[in-house]
């Protein structure tokens, strides 16, 4: 993958995608 910009988010052991997204936000 040839990129100009890139980023990474990590998460572990959340019960739901919504809960995980809320923590990220």
PDBML (XML) file of the C-alpha atoms, coordinates in Angstrom:
<?xml version="1.0" encoding="UTF-8" ?>
<PDBx:datablock datablockName="MODEL"
   xmlns:PDBx="http://pdbml.pdb.org/schema/pdbx-v50.xsd"
   xmlns:xsi="http://www.w3.org/2001/XMLSchema-instance"
   xsi:schemaLocation="http://pdbml.pdb.org/schema/pdbx-v50.xsd pdbx-v50.xsd">
   <PDBx:atom_siteCategory>
      <PDBx:atom_site id="1">
         <PDBx:B_iso_or_equiv>0.00</PDBx:B_iso_or_equiv>
         <PDBx:Cartn_x>0.000</PDBx:Cartn_x>
         <PDBx:Cartn_y>0.000</PDBx:Cartn_y>
         <PDBx:Cartn_z>0.000</PDBx:Cartn_z>
         <PDBx:auth_asym_id>A</PDBx:auth_asym_id>
         <PDBx:auth_atom_id>CA</PDBx:auth_atom_id>
         <PDBx:auth_comp_id>UNK</PDBx:auth_comp_id>
         <PDBx:auth_seq_id>1</PDBx:auth_seq_id>
         <PDBx:group_PDB>ATOM</PDBx:group_PDB>
         <PDBx:label_alt_id xsi:nil="true" />
         <PDBx:label_asym_id>A</PDBx:label_asym_id>
         <PDBx:label_atom_id>CA</PDBx:label_atom_id>
         <PDBx:label_comp_id>UNK</PDBx:label_comp_id>
         <PDBx:label_entity_id>1</PDBx:label_entity_id>
         <PDBx:label_seq_id>1</PDBx:label_seq_id>
         <PDBx:occupancy>1.00</PDBx:occupancy>
         <PDBx:pdbx_PDB_model_num>1</PDBx:pdbx_PDB_model_num>
         <PDBx:type_symbol>C</PDBx:type_symbol>
      </PDBx:atom_site>
      <PDBx:atom_site id="2">
         <PDBx:B_iso_or_equiv>0.00</PDBx:B_iso_or_equiv>
         <PDBx:Cartn_x>1.660</PDBx:Cartn_x>
         <PDBx:Cartn_y>3.215</PDBx:Cartn_y>
         <PDBx:Cartn_z>-1.219</PDBx:Cartn_z>
         <PDBx:auth_asym_id>A</PDBx:auth_asym_id>
         <PDBx:auth_atom_id>CA</PDBx:auth_atom_id>
         <PDBx:auth_comp_id>UNK</PDBx:auth_comp_id>
         <PDBx:auth_seq_id>2</PDBx:auth_seq_id>
         <PDBx:group_PDB>ATOM</PDBx:group_PDB>
         <PDBx:label_alt_id xsi:nil="true" />
         <PDBx:label_asym_id>A</PDBx:label_asym_id>
         <PDBx:label_atom_id>CA</PDBx:label_atom_id>
         <PDBx:label_comp_id>UNK</PDBx:label_comp_id>
         <PDBx:label_entity_id>1</PDBx:label_entity_id>
         <PDBx:label_seq_id>2</PDBx:label_seq_id>
         <PDBx:occupancy>1.00</PDBx:occupancy>
         <PDBx:pdbx_PDB_model_num>1</PDBx:pdbx_PDB_model_num>
         <PDBx:type_symbol>C</PDBx:type_symbol>
      </PDBx:atom_site>
      <PDBx:atom_site id="3">
         <PDBx:B_iso_or_equiv>0.00</PDBx:B_iso_or_equiv>
         <PDBx:Cartn_x>0.549</PDBx:Cartn_x>
         <PDBx:Cartn_y>6.055</PDBx:Cartn_y>
         <PDBx:Cartn_z>1.018</PDBx:Cartn_z>
         <PDBx:auth_asym_id>A</PDBx:auth_asym_id>
         <PDBx:auth_atom_id>CA</PDBx:auth_atom_id>
         <PDBx:auth_comp_id>UNK</PDBx:auth_comp_id>
         <PDBx:auth_seq_id>3</PDBx:auth_seq_id>
         <PDBx:group_PDB>ATOM</PDBx:group_PDB>
         <PDBx:label_alt_id xsi:nil="true" />
         <PDBx:label_asym_id>A</PDBx:label_asym_id>
         <PDBx:label_atom_id>CA</PDBx:label_atom_id>
         <PDBx:label_comp_id>UNK</PDBx:label_comp_id>
         <PDBx:label_entity_id>1</PDBx:label_entity_id>
         <PDBx:label_seq_id>3</PDBx:label_seq_id>
         <PDBx:occupancy>1.00</PDBx:occupancy>
         <PDBx:pdbx_PDB_model_num>1</PDBx:pdbx_PDB_model_num>
         <PDBx:type_symbol>C</PDBx:type_symbol>
      </PDBx:atom_site>
      <PDBx:atom_site id="4">
         <PDBx:B_iso_or_equiv>0.00</PDBx:B_iso_or_equiv>
         <PDBx:Cartn_x>1.040</PDBx:Cartn_x>
         <PDBx:Cartn_y>9.760</PDBx:Cartn_y>
         <PDBx:Cartn_z>1.584</PDBx:Cartn_z>
         <PDBx:auth_asym_id>A</PDBx:auth_asym_id>
         <PDBx:auth_atom_id>CA</PDBx:auth_atom_id>
         <PDBx:auth_comp_id>UNK</PDBx:auth_comp_id>
         <PDBx:auth_seq_id>4</PDBx:auth_seq_id>
         <PDBx:group_PDB>ATOM</PDBx:group_PDB>
         <PDBx:label_alt_id xsi:nil="true" />
         <PDBx:label_asym_id>A</PDBx:label_asym_id>
         <PDBx:label_atom_id>CA</PDBx:label_atom_id>
         <PDBx:label_comp_id>UNK</PDBx:label_comp_id>
         <PDBx:label_entity_id>1</PDBx:label_entity_id>
         <PDBx:label_seq_id>4</PDBx:label_seq_id>
         <PDBx:occupancy>1.00</PDBx:occupancy>
         <PDBx:pdbx_PDB_model_num>1</PDBx:pdbx_PDB_model_num>
         <PDBx:type_symbol>C</PDBx:type_symbol>
      </PDBx:atom_site>
      <PDBx:atom_site id="5">
         <PDBx:B_iso_or_equiv>0.00</PDBx:B_iso_or_equiv>
         <PDBx:Cartn_x>-0.318</PDBx:Cartn_x>
         <PDBx:Cartn_y>9.597</PDBx:Cartn_y>
         <PDBx:Cartn_z>5.128</PDBx:Cartn_z>
         <PDBx:auth_asym_id>A</PDBx:auth_asym_id>
         <PDBx:auth_atom_id>CA</PDBx:auth_atom_id>
         <PDBx:auth_comp_id>UNK</PDBx:auth_comp_id>
         <PDBx:auth_seq_id>5</PDBx:auth_seq_id>
         <PDBx:group_PDB>ATOM</PDBx:group_PDB>
         <PDBx:label_alt_id xsi:nil="true" />
         <PDBx:label_asym_id>A</PDBx:label_asym_id>
         <PDBx:label_atom_id>CA</PDBx:label_atom_id>
         <PDBx:label_comp_id>UNK</PDBx:label_comp_id>
         <PDBx:label_entity_id>1</PDBx:label_entity_id>
         <PDBx:label_seq_id>5</PDBx:label_seq_id>
         <PDBx:occupancy>1.00</PDBx:occupancy>
         <PDBx:pdbx_PDB_model_num>1</PDBx:pdbx_PDB_model_num>
         <PDBx:type_symbol>C</PDBx:type_symbol>
      </PDBx:atom_site>
      <PDBx:atom_site id="6">
         <PDBx:B_iso_or_equiv>0.00</PDBx:B_iso_or_equiv>
         <PDBx:Cartn_x>-1.344</PDBx:Cartn_x>
         <PDBx:Cartn_y>6.809</PDBx:Cartn_y>
         <PDBx:Cartn_z>7.484</PDBx:Cartn_z>
         <PDBx:auth_asym_id>A</PDBx:auth_asym_id>
         <PDBx:auth_atom_id>CA</PDBx:auth_atom_id>
         <PDBx:auth_comp_id>UNK</PDBx:auth_comp_id>
         <PDBx:auth_seq_id>6</PDBx:auth_seq_id>
         <PDBx:group_PDB>ATOM</PDBx:group_PDB>
         <PDBx:label_alt_id xsi:nil="true" />
         <PDBx:label_asym_id>A</PDBx:label_asym_id>
         <PDBx:label_atom_id>CA</PDBx:label_atom_id>
         <PDBx:label_comp_id>UNK</PDBx:label_comp_id>
         <PDBx:label_entity_id>1</PDBx:label_entity_id>
         <PDBx:label_seq_id>6</PDBx:label_seq_id>
         <PDBx:occupancy>1.00</PDBx:occupancy>
         <PDBx:pdbx_PDB_model_num>1</PDBx:pdbx_PDB_model_num>
         <PDBx:type_symbol>C</PDBx:type_symbol>
      </PDBx:atom_site>
      <PDBx:atom_site id="7">
         <PDBx:B_iso_or_equiv>0.00</PDBx:B_iso_or_equiv>
         <PDBx:Cartn_x>-2.636</PDBx:Cartn_x>
         <PDBx:Cartn_y>6.325</PDBx:Cartn_y>
         <PDBx:Cartn_z>11.018</PDBx:Cartn_z>
         <PDBx:auth_asym_id>A</PDBx:auth_asym_id>
         <PDBx:auth_atom_id>CA</PDBx:auth_atom_id>
         <PDBx:auth_comp_id>UNK</PDBx:auth_comp_id>
         <PDBx:auth_seq_id>7</PDBx:auth_seq_id>
         <PDBx:group_PDB>ATOM</PDBx:group_PDB>
         <PDBx:label_alt_id xsi:nil="true" />
         <PDBx:label_asym_id>A</PDBx:label_asym_id>
         <PDBx:label_atom_id>CA</PDBx:label_atom_id>
         <PDBx:label_comp_id>UNK</PDBx:label_comp_id>
         <PDBx:label_entity_id>1</PDBx:label_entity_id>
         <PDBx:label_seq_id>7</PDBx:label_seq_id>
         <PDBx:occupancy>1.00</PDBx:occupancy>
         <PDBx:pdbx_PDB_model_num>1</PDBx:pdbx_PDB_model_num>
         <PDBx:type_symbol>C</PDBx:type_symbol>
      </PDBx:atom_site>
      <PDBx:atom_site id="8">
         <PDBx:B_iso_or_equiv>0.00</PDBx:B_iso_or_equiv>
         <PDBx:Cartn_x>-3.438</PDBx:Cartn_x>
         <PDBx:Cartn_y>3.504</PDBx:Cartn_y>
         <PDBx:Cartn_z>13.440</PDBx:Cartn_z>
         <PDBx:auth_asym_id>A</PDBx:auth_asym_id>
         <PDBx:auth_atom_id>CA</PDBx:auth_atom_id>
         <PDBx:auth_comp_id>UNK</PDBx:auth_comp_id>
         <PDBx:auth_seq_id>8</PDBx:auth_seq_id>
         <PDBx:group_PDB>ATOM</PDBx:group_PDB>
         <PDBx:label_alt_id xsi:nil="true" />
         <PDBx:label_asym_id>A</PDBx:label_asym_id>
         <PDBx:label_atom_id>CA</PDBx:label_atom_id>
         <PDBx:label_comp_id>UNK</PDBx:label_comp_id>
         <PDBx:label_entity_id>1</PDBx:label_entity_id>
         <PDBx:label_seq_id>8</PDBx:label_seq_id>
         <PDBx:occupancy>1.00</PDBx:occupancy>
         <PDBx:pdbx_PDB_model_num>1</PDBx:pdbx_PDB_model_num>
         <PDBx:type_symbol>C</PDBx:type_symbol>
      </PDBx:atom_site>
      <PDBx:atom_site id="9">
         <PDBx:B_iso_or_equiv>0.00</PDBx:B_iso_or_equiv>
         <PDBx:Cartn_x>-5.965</PDBx:Cartn_x>
         <PDBx:Cartn_y>2.941</PDBx:Cartn_y>
         <PDBx:Cartn_z>16.230</PDBx:Cartn_z>
         <PDBx:auth_asym_id>A</PDBx:auth_asym_id>
         <PDBx:auth_atom_id>CA</PDBx:auth_atom_id>
         <PDBx:auth_comp_id>UNK</PDBx:auth_comp_id>
         <PDBx:auth_seq_id>9</PDBx:auth_seq_id>
         <PDBx:group_PDB>ATOM</PDBx:group_PDB>
         <PDBx:label_alt_id xsi:nil="true" />
         <PDBx:label_asym_id>A</PDBx:label_asym_id>
         <PDBx:label_atom_id>CA</PDBx:label_atom_id>
         <PDBx:label_comp_id>UNK</PDBx:label_comp_id>
         <PDBx:label_entity_id>1</PDBx:label_entity_id>
         <PDBx:label_seq_id>9</PDBx:label_seq_id>
         <PDBx:occupancy>1.00</PDBx:occupancy>
         <PDBx:pdbx_PDB_model_num>1</PDBx:pdbx_PDB_model_num>
         <PDBx:type_symbol>C</PDBx:type_symbol>
      </PDBx:atom_site>
      <PDBx:atom_site id="10">
         <PDBx:B_iso_or_equiv>0.00</PDBx:B_iso_or_equiv>
         <PDBx:Cartn_x>-5.791</PDBx:Cartn_x>
         <PDBx:Cartn_y>-0.094</PDBx:Cartn_y>
         <PDBx:Cartn_z>18.518</PDBx:Cartn_z>
         <PDBx:auth_asym_id>A</PDBx:auth_asym_id>
         <PDBx:auth_atom_id>CA</PDBx:auth_atom_id>
         <PDBx:auth_comp_id>UNK</PDBx:auth_comp_id>
         <PDBx:auth_seq_id>10</PDBx:auth_seq_id>
         <PDBx:group_PDB>ATOM</PDBx:group_PDB>
         <PDBx:label_alt_id xsi:nil="true" />
         <PDBx:label_asym_id>A</PDBx:label_asym_id>
         <PDBx:label_atom_id>CA</PDBx:label_atom_id>
         <PDBx:label_comp_id>UNK</PDBx:label_comp_id>
         <PDBx:label_entity_id>1</PDBx:label_entity_id>
         <PDBx:label_seq_id>10</PDBx:label_seq_id>
         <PDBx:occupancy>1.00</PDBx:occupancy>
         <PDBx:pdbx_PDB_model_num>1</PDBx:pdbx_PDB_model_num>
         <PDBx:type_symbol>C</PDBx:type_symbol>
      </PDBx:atom_site>
      <PDBx:atom_site id="11">
         <PDBx:B_iso_or_equiv>0.00</PDBx:B_iso_or_equiv>
         <PDBx:Cartn_x>-8.309</PDBx:Cartn_x>
         <PDBx:Cartn_y>-1.540</PDBx:Cartn_y>
         <PDBx:Cartn_z>20.964</PDBx:Cartn_z>
         <PDBx:auth_asym_id>A</PDBx:auth_asym_id>
         <PDBx:auth_atom_id>CA</PDBx:auth_atom_id>
         <PDBx:auth_comp_id>UNK</PDBx:auth_comp_id>
         <PDBx:auth_seq_id>11</PDBx:auth_seq_id>
         <PDBx:group_PDB>ATOM</PDBx:group_PDB>
         <PDBx:label_alt_id xsi:nil="true" />
         <PDBx:label_asym_id>A</PDBx:label_asym_id>
         <PDBx:label_atom_id>CA</PDBx:label_atom_id>
         <PDBx:label_comp_id>UNK</PDBx:label_comp_id>
         <PDBx:label_entity_id>1</PDBx:label_entity_id>
         <PDBx:label_seq_id>11</PDBx:label_seq_id>
         <PDBx:occupancy>1.00</PDBx:occupancy>
         <PDBx:pdbx_PDB_model_num>1</PDBx:pdbx_PDB_model_num>
         <PDBx:type_symbol>C</PDBx:type_symbol>
      </PDBx:atom_site>
      <PDBx:atom_site id="12">
         <PDBx:B_iso_or_equiv>0.00</PDBx:B_iso_or_equiv>
         <PDBx:Cartn_x>-8.540</PDBx:Cartn_x>
         <PDBx:Cartn_y>-4.705</PDBx:Cartn_y>
         <PDBx:Cartn_z>23.044</PDBx:Cartn_z>
         <PDBx:auth_asym_id>A</PDBx:auth_asym_id>
         <PDBx:auth_atom_id>CA</PDBx:auth_atom_id>
         <PDBx:auth_comp_id>UNK</PDBx:auth_comp_id>
         <PDBx:auth_seq_id>12</PDBx:auth_seq_id>
         <PDBx:group_PDB>ATOM</PDBx:group_PDB>
         <PDBx:label_alt_id xsi:nil="true" />
         <PDBx:label_asym_id>A</PDBx:label_asym_id>
         <PDBx:label_atom_id>CA</PDBx:label_atom_id>
         <PDBx:label_comp_id>UNK</PDBx:label_comp_id>
         <PDBx:label_entity_id>1</PDBx:label_entity_id>
         <PDBx:label_seq_id>12</PDBx:label_seq_id>
         <PDBx:occupancy>1.00</PDBx:occupancy>
         <PDBx:pdbx_PDB_model_num>1</PDBx:pdbx_PDB_model_num>
         <PDBx:type_symbol>C</PDBx:type_symbol>
      </PDBx:atom_site>
      <PDBx:atom_site id="13">
         <PDBx:B_iso_or_equiv>0.00</PDBx:B_iso_or_equiv>
         <PDBx:Cartn_x>-11.345</PDBx:Cartn_x>
         <PDBx:Cartn_y>-6.551</PDBx:Cartn_y>
         <PDBx:Cartn_z>24.836</PDBx:Cartn_z>
         <PDBx:auth_asym_id>A</PDBx:auth_asym_id>
         <PDBx:auth_atom_id>CA</PDBx:auth_atom_id>
         <PDBx:auth_comp_id>UNK</PDBx:auth_comp_id>
         <PDBx:auth_seq_id>13</PDBx:auth_seq_id>
         <PDBx:group_PDB>ATOM</PDBx:group_PDB>
         <PDBx:label_alt_id xsi:nil="true" />
         <PDBx:label_asym_id>A</PDBx:label_asym_id>
         <PDBx:label_atom_id>CA</PDBx:label_atom_id>
         <PDBx:label_comp_id>UNK</PDBx:label_comp_id>
         <PDBx:label_entity_id>1</PDBx:label_entity_id>
         <PDBx:label_seq_id>13</PDBx:label_seq_id>
         <PDBx:occupancy>1.00</PDBx:occupancy>
         <PDBx:pdbx_PDB_model_num>1</PDBx:pdbx_PDB_model_num>
         <PDBx:type_symbol>C</PDBx:type_symbol>
      </PDBx:atom_site>
      <PDBx:atom_site id="14">
         <PDBx:B_iso_or_equiv>0.00</PDBx:B_iso_or_equiv>
         <PDBx:Cartn_x>-14.421</PDBx:Cartn_x>
         <PDBx:Cartn_y>-4.398</PDBx:Cartn_y>
         <PDBx:Cartn_z>24.228</PDBx:Cartn_z>
         <PDBx:auth_asym_id>A</PDBx:auth_asym_id>
         <PDBx:auth_atom_id>CA</PDBx:auth_atom_id>
         <PDBx:auth_comp_id>UNK</PDBx:auth_comp_id>
         <PDBx:auth_seq_id>14</PDBx:auth_seq_id>
         <PDBx:group_PDB>ATOM</PDBx:group_PDB>
         <PDBx:label_alt_id xsi:nil="true" />
         <PDBx:label_asym_id>A</PDBx:label_asym_id>
         <PDBx:label_atom_id>CA</PDBx:label_atom_id>
         <PDBx:label_comp_id>UNK</PDBx:label_comp_id>
         <PDBx:label_entity_id>1</PDBx:label_entity_id>
         <PDBx:label_seq_id>14</PDBx:label_seq_id>
         <PDBx:occupancy>1.00</PDBx:occupancy>
         <PDBx:pdbx_PDB_model_num>1</PDBx:pdbx_PDB_model_num>
         <PDBx:type_symbol>C</PDBx:type_symbol>
      </PDBx:atom_site>
      <PDBx:atom_site id="15">
         <PDBx:B_iso_or_equiv>0.00</PDBx:B_iso_or_equiv>
         <PDBx:Cartn_x>-17.874</PDBx:Cartn_x>
         <PDBx:Cartn_y>-5.976</PDBx:Cartn_y>
         <PDBx:Cartn_z>24.418</PDBx:Cartn_z>
         <PDBx:auth_asym_id>A</PDBx:auth_asym_id>
         <PDBx:auth_atom_id>CA</PDBx:auth_atom_id>
         <PDBx:auth_comp_id>UNK</PDBx:auth_comp_id>
         <PDBx:auth_seq_id>15</PDBx:auth_seq_id>
         <PDBx:group_PDB>ATOM</PDBx:group_PDB>
         <PDBx:label_alt_id xsi:nil="true" />
         <PDBx:label_asym_id>A</PDBx:label_asym_id>
         <PDBx:label_atom_id>CA</PDBx:label_atom_id>
         <PDBx:label_comp_id>UNK</PDBx:label_comp_id>
         <PDBx:label_entity_id>1</PDBx:label_entity_id>
         <PDBx:label_seq_id>15</PDBx:label_seq_id>
         <PDBx:occupancy>1.00</PDBx:occupancy>
         <PDBx:pdbx_PDB_model_num>1</PDBx:pdbx_PDB_model_num>
         <PDBx:type_symbol>C</PDBx:type_symbol>
      </PDBx:atom_site>
      <PDBx:atom_site id="16">
         <PDBx:B_iso_or_equiv>0.00</PDBx:B_iso_or_equiv>
         <PDBx:Cartn_x>-19.235</PDBx:Cartn_x>
         <PDBx:Cartn_y>-4.102</PDBx:Cartn_y>
         <PDBx:Cartn_z>21.409</PDBx:Cartn_z>
         <PDBx:auth_asym_id>A</PDBx:auth_asym_id>
         <PDBx:auth_atom_id>CA</PDBx:auth_atom_id>
         <PDBx:auth_comp_id>UNK</PDBx:auth_comp_id>
         <PDBx:auth_seq_id>16</PDBx:auth_seq_id>
         <PDBx:group_PDB>ATOM</PDBx:group_PDB>
         <PDBx:label_alt_id xsi:nil="true" />
         <PDBx:label_asym_id>A</PDBx:label_asym_id>
         <PDBx:label_atom_id>CA</PDBx:label_atom_id>
         <PDBx:label_comp_id>UNK</PDBx:label_comp_id>
         <PDBx:label_entity_id>1</PDBx:label_entity_id>
         <PDBx:label_seq_id>16</PDBx:label_seq_id>
         <PDBx:occupancy>1.00</PDBx:occupancy>
         <PDBx:pdbx_PDB_model_num>1</PDBx:pdbx_PDB_model_num>
         <PDBx:type_symbol>C</PDBx:type_symbol>
      </PDBx:atom_site>
      <PDBx:atom_site id="17">
         <PDBx:B_iso_or_equiv>0.00</PDBx:B_iso_or_equiv>
         <PDBx:Cartn_x>-18.086</PDBx:Cartn_x>
         <PDBx:Cartn_y>-2.014</PDBx:Cartn_y>
         <PDBx:Cartn_z>18.475</PDBx:Cartn_z>
         <PDBx:auth_asym_id>A</PDBx:auth_asym_id>
         <PDBx:auth_atom_id>CA</PDBx:auth_atom_id>
         <PDBx:auth_comp_id>UNK</PDBx:auth_comp_id>
         <PDBx:auth_seq_id>17</PDBx:auth_seq_id>
         <PDBx:group_PDB>ATOM</PDBx:group_PDB>
         <PDBx:label_alt_id xsi:nil="true" />
         <PDBx:label_asym_id>A</PDBx:label_asym_id>
         <PDBx:label_atom_id>CA</PDBx:label_atom_id>
         <PDBx:label_comp_id>UNK</PDBx:label_comp_id>
         <PDBx:label_entity_id>1</PDBx:label_entity_id>
         <PDBx:label_seq_id>17</PDBx:label_seq_id>
         <PDBx:occupancy>1.00</PDBx:occupancy>
         <PDBx:pdbx_PDB_model_num>1</PDBx:pdbx_PDB_model_num>
         <PDBx:type_symbol>C</PDBx:type_symbol>
      </PDBx:atom_site>
      <PDBx:atom_site id="18">
         <PDBx:B_iso_or_equiv>0.00</PDBx:B_iso_or_equiv>
         <PDBx:Cartn_x>-20.170</PDBx:Cartn_x>
         <PDBx:Cartn_y>0.886</PDBx:Cartn_y>
         <PDBx:Cartn_z>19.786</PDBx:Cartn_z>
         <PDBx:auth_asym_id>A</PDBx:auth_asym_id>
         <PDBx:auth_atom_id>CA</PDBx:auth_atom_id>
         <PDBx:auth_comp_id>UNK</PDBx:auth_comp_id>
         <PDBx:auth_seq_id>18</PDBx:auth_seq_id>
         <PDBx:group_PDB>ATOM</PDBx:group_PDB>
         <PDBx:label_alt_id xsi:nil="true" />
         <PDBx:label_asym_id>A</PDBx:label_asym_id>
         <PDBx:label_atom_id>CA</PDBx:label_atom_id>
         <PDBx:label_comp_id>UNK</PDBx:label_comp_id>
         <PDBx:label_entity_id>1</PDBx:label_entity_id>
         <PDBx:label_seq_id>18</PDBx:label_seq_id>
         <PDBx:occupancy>1.00</PDBx:occupancy>
         <PDBx:pdbx_PDB_model_num>1</PDBx:pdbx_PDB_model_num>
         <PDBx:type_symbol>C</PDBx:type_symbol>
      </PDBx:atom_site>
      <PDBx:atom_site id="19">
         <PDBx:B_iso_or_equiv>0.00</PDBx:B_iso_or_equiv>
         <PDBx:Cartn_x>-18.474</PDBx:Cartn_x>
         <PDBx:Cartn_y>0.798</PDBx:Cartn_y>
         <PDBx:Cartn_z>23.182</PDBx:Cartn_z>
         <PDBx:auth_asym_id>A</PDBx:auth_asym_id>
         <PDBx:auth_atom_id>CA</PDBx:auth_atom_id>
         <PDBx:auth_comp_id>UNK</PDBx:auth_comp_id>
         <PDBx:auth_seq_id>19</PDBx:auth_seq_id>
         <PDBx:group_PDB>ATOM</PDBx:group_PDB>
         <PDBx:label_alt_id xsi:nil="true" />
         <PDBx:label_asym_id>A</PDBx:label_asym_id>
         <PDBx:label_atom_id>CA</PDBx:label_atom_id>
         <PDBx:label_comp_id>UNK</PDBx:label_comp_id>
         <PDBx:label_entity_id>1</PDBx:label_entity_id>
         <PDBx:label_seq_id>19</PDBx:label_seq_id>
         <PDBx:occupancy>1.00</PDBx:occupancy>
         <PDBx:pdbx_PDB_model_num>1</PDBx:pdbx_PDB_model_num>
         <PDBx:type_symbol>C</PDBx:type_symbol>
      </PDBx:atom_site>
      <PDBx:atom_site id="20">
         <PDBx:B_iso_or_equiv>0.00</PDBx:B_iso_or_equiv>
         <PDBx:Cartn_x>-15.077</PDBx:Cartn_x>
         <PDBx:Cartn_y>0.602</PDBx:Cartn_y>
         <PDBx:Cartn_z>21.506</PDBx:Cartn_z>
         <PDBx:auth_asym_id>A</PDBx:auth_asym_id>
         <PDBx:auth_atom_id>CA</PDBx:auth_atom_id>
         <PDBx:auth_comp_id>UNK</PDBx:auth_comp_id>
         <PDBx:auth_seq_id>20</PDBx:auth_seq_id>
         <PDBx:group_PDB>ATOM</PDBx:group_PDB>
         <PDBx:label_alt_id xsi:nil="true" />
         <PDBx:label_asym_id>A</PDBx:label_asym_id>
         <PDBx:label_atom_id>CA</PDBx:label_atom_id>
         <PDBx:label_comp_id>UNK</PDBx:label_comp_id>
         <PDBx:label_entity_id>1</PDBx:label_entity_id>
         <PDBx:label_seq_id>20</PDBx:label_seq_id>
         <PDBx:occupancy>1.00</PDBx:occupancy>
         <PDBx:pdbx_PDB_model_num>1</PDBx:pdbx_PDB_model_num>
         <PDBx:type_symbol>C</PDBx:type_symbol>
      </PDBx:atom_site>
      <PDBx:atom_site id="21">
         <PDBx:B_iso_or_equiv>0.00</PDBx:B_iso_or_equiv>
         <PDBx:Cartn_x>-15.880</PDBx:Cartn_x>
         <PDBx:Cartn_y>3.518</PDBx:Cartn_y>
         <PDBx:Cartn_z>19.172</PDBx:Cartn_z>
         <PDBx:auth_asym_id>A</PDBx:auth_asym_id>
         <PDBx:auth_atom_id>CA</PDBx:auth_atom_id>
         <PDBx:auth_comp_id>UNK</PDBx:auth_comp_id>
         <PDBx:auth_seq_id>21</PDBx:auth_seq_id>
         <PDBx:group_PDB>ATOM</PDBx:group_PDB>
         <PDBx:label_alt_id xsi:nil="true" />
         <PDBx:label_asym_id>A</PDBx:label_asym_id>
         <PDBx:label_atom_id>CA</PDBx:label_atom_id>
         <PDBx:label_comp_id>UNK</PDBx:label_comp_id>
         <PDBx:label_entity_id>1</PDBx:label_entity_id>
         <PDBx:label_seq_id>21</PDBx:label_seq_id>
         <PDBx:occupancy>1.00</PDBx:occupancy>
         <PDBx:pdbx_PDB_model_num>1</PDBx:pdbx_PDB_model_num>
         <PDBx:type_symbol>C</PDBx:type_symbol>
      </PDBx:atom_site>
      <PDBx:atom_site id="22">
         <PDBx:B_iso_or_equiv>0.00</PDBx:B_iso_or_equiv>
         <PDBx:Cartn_x>-17.075</PDBx:Cartn_x>
         <PDBx:Cartn_y>5.585</PDBx:Cartn_y>
         <PDBx:Cartn_z>22.129</PDBx:Cartn_z>
         <PDBx:auth_asym_id>A</PDBx:auth_asym_id>
         <PDBx:auth_atom_id>CA</PDBx:auth_atom_id>
         <PDBx:auth_comp_id>UNK</PDBx:auth_comp_id>
         <PDBx:auth_seq_id>22</PDBx:auth_seq_id>
         <PDBx:group_PDB>ATOM</PDBx:group_PDB>
         <PDBx:label_alt_id xsi:nil="true" />
         <PDBx:label_asym_id>A</PDBx:label_asym_id>
         <PDBx:label_atom_id>CA</PDBx:label_atom_id>
         <PDBx:label_comp_id>UNK</PDBx:label_comp_id>
         <PDBx:label_entity_id>1</PDBx:label_entity_id>
         <PDBx:label_seq_id>22</PDBx:label_seq_id>
         <PDBx:occupancy>1.00</PDBx:occupancy>
         <PDBx:pdbx_PDB_model_num>1</PDBx:pdbx_PDB_model_num>
         <PDBx:type_symbol>C</PDBx:type_symbol>
      </PDBx:atom_site>
      <PDBx:atom_site id="23">
         <PDBx:B_iso_or_equiv>0.00</PDBx:B_iso_or_equiv>
         <PDBx:Cartn_x>-13.760</PDBx:Cartn_x>
         <PDBx:Cartn_y>5.031</PDBx:Cartn_y>
         <PDBx:Cartn_z>23.906</PDBx:Cartn_z>
         <PDBx:auth_asym_id>A</PDBx:auth_asym_id>
         <PDBx:auth_atom_id>CA</PDBx:auth_atom_id>
         <PDBx:auth_comp_id>UNK</PDBx:auth_comp_id>
         <PDBx:auth_seq_id>23</PDBx:auth_seq_id>
         <PDBx:group_PDB>ATOM</PDBx:group_PDB>
         <PDBx:label_alt_id xsi:nil="true" />
         <PDBx:label_asym_id>A</PDBx:label_asym_id>
         <PDBx:label_atom_id>CA</PDBx:label_atom_id>
         <PDBx:label_comp_id>UNK</PDBx:label_comp_id>
         <PDBx:label_entity_id>1</PDBx:label_entity_id>
         <PDBx:label_seq_id>23</PDBx:label_seq_id>
         <PDBx:occupancy>1.00</PDBx:occupancy>
         <PDBx:pdbx_PDB_model_num>1</PDBx:pdbx_PDB_model_num>
         <PDBx:type_symbol>C</PDBx:type_symbol>
      </PDBx:atom_site>
      <PDBx:atom_site id="24">
         <PDBx:B_iso_or_equiv>0.00</PDBx:B_iso_or_equiv>
         <PDBx:Cartn_x>-11.843</PDBx:Cartn_x>
         <PDBx:Cartn_y>6.047</PDBx:Cartn_y>
         <PDBx:Cartn_z>20.791</PDBx:Cartn_z>
         <PDBx:auth_asym_id>A</PDBx:auth_asym_id>
         <PDBx:auth_atom_id>CA</PDBx:auth_atom_id>
         <PDBx:auth_comp_id>UNK</PDBx:auth_comp_id>
         <PDBx:auth_seq_id>24</PDBx:auth_seq_id>
         <PDBx:group_PDB>ATOM</PDBx:group_PDB>
         <PDBx:label_alt_id xsi:nil="true" />
         <PDBx:label_asym_id>A</PDBx:label_asym_id>
         <PDBx:label_atom_id>CA</PDBx:label_atom_id>
         <PDBx:label_comp_id>UNK</PDBx:label_comp_id>
         <PDBx:label_entity_id>1</PDBx:label_entity_id>
         <PDBx:label_seq_id>24</PDBx:label_seq_id>
         <PDBx:occupancy>1.00</PDBx:occupancy>
         <PDBx:pdbx_PDB_model_num>1</PDBx:pdbx_PDB_model_num>
         <PDBx:type_symbol>C</PDBx:type_symbol>
      </PDBx:atom_site>
      <PDBx:atom_site id="25">
         <PDBx:B_iso_or_equiv>0.00</PDBx:B_iso_or_equiv>
         <PDBx:Cartn_x>-13.887</PDBx:Cartn_x>
         <PDBx:Cartn_y>9.223</PDBx:Cartn_y>
         <PDBx:Cartn_z>20.364</PDBx:Cartn_z>
         <PDBx:auth_asym_id>A</PDBx:auth_asym_id>
         <PDBx:auth_atom_id>CA</PDBx:auth_atom_id>
         <PDBx:auth_comp_id>UNK</PDBx:auth_comp_id>
         <PDBx:auth_seq_id>25</PDBx:auth_seq_id>
         <PDBx:group_PDB>ATOM</PDBx:group_PDB>
         <PDBx:label_alt_id xsi:nil="true" />
         <PDBx:label_asym_id>A</PDBx:label_asym_id>
         <PDBx:label_atom_id>CA</PDBx:label_atom_id>
         <PDBx:label_comp_id>UNK</PDBx:label_comp_id>
         <PDBx:label_entity_id>1</PDBx:label_entity_id>
         <PDBx:label_seq_id>25</PDBx:label_seq_id>
         <PDBx:occupancy>1.00</PDBx:occupancy>
         <PDBx:pdbx_PDB_model_num>1</PDBx:pdbx_PDB_model_num>
         <PDBx:type_symbol>C</PDBx:type_symbol>
      </PDBx:atom_site>
   </PDBx:atom_siteCategory>
</PDBx:datablock>
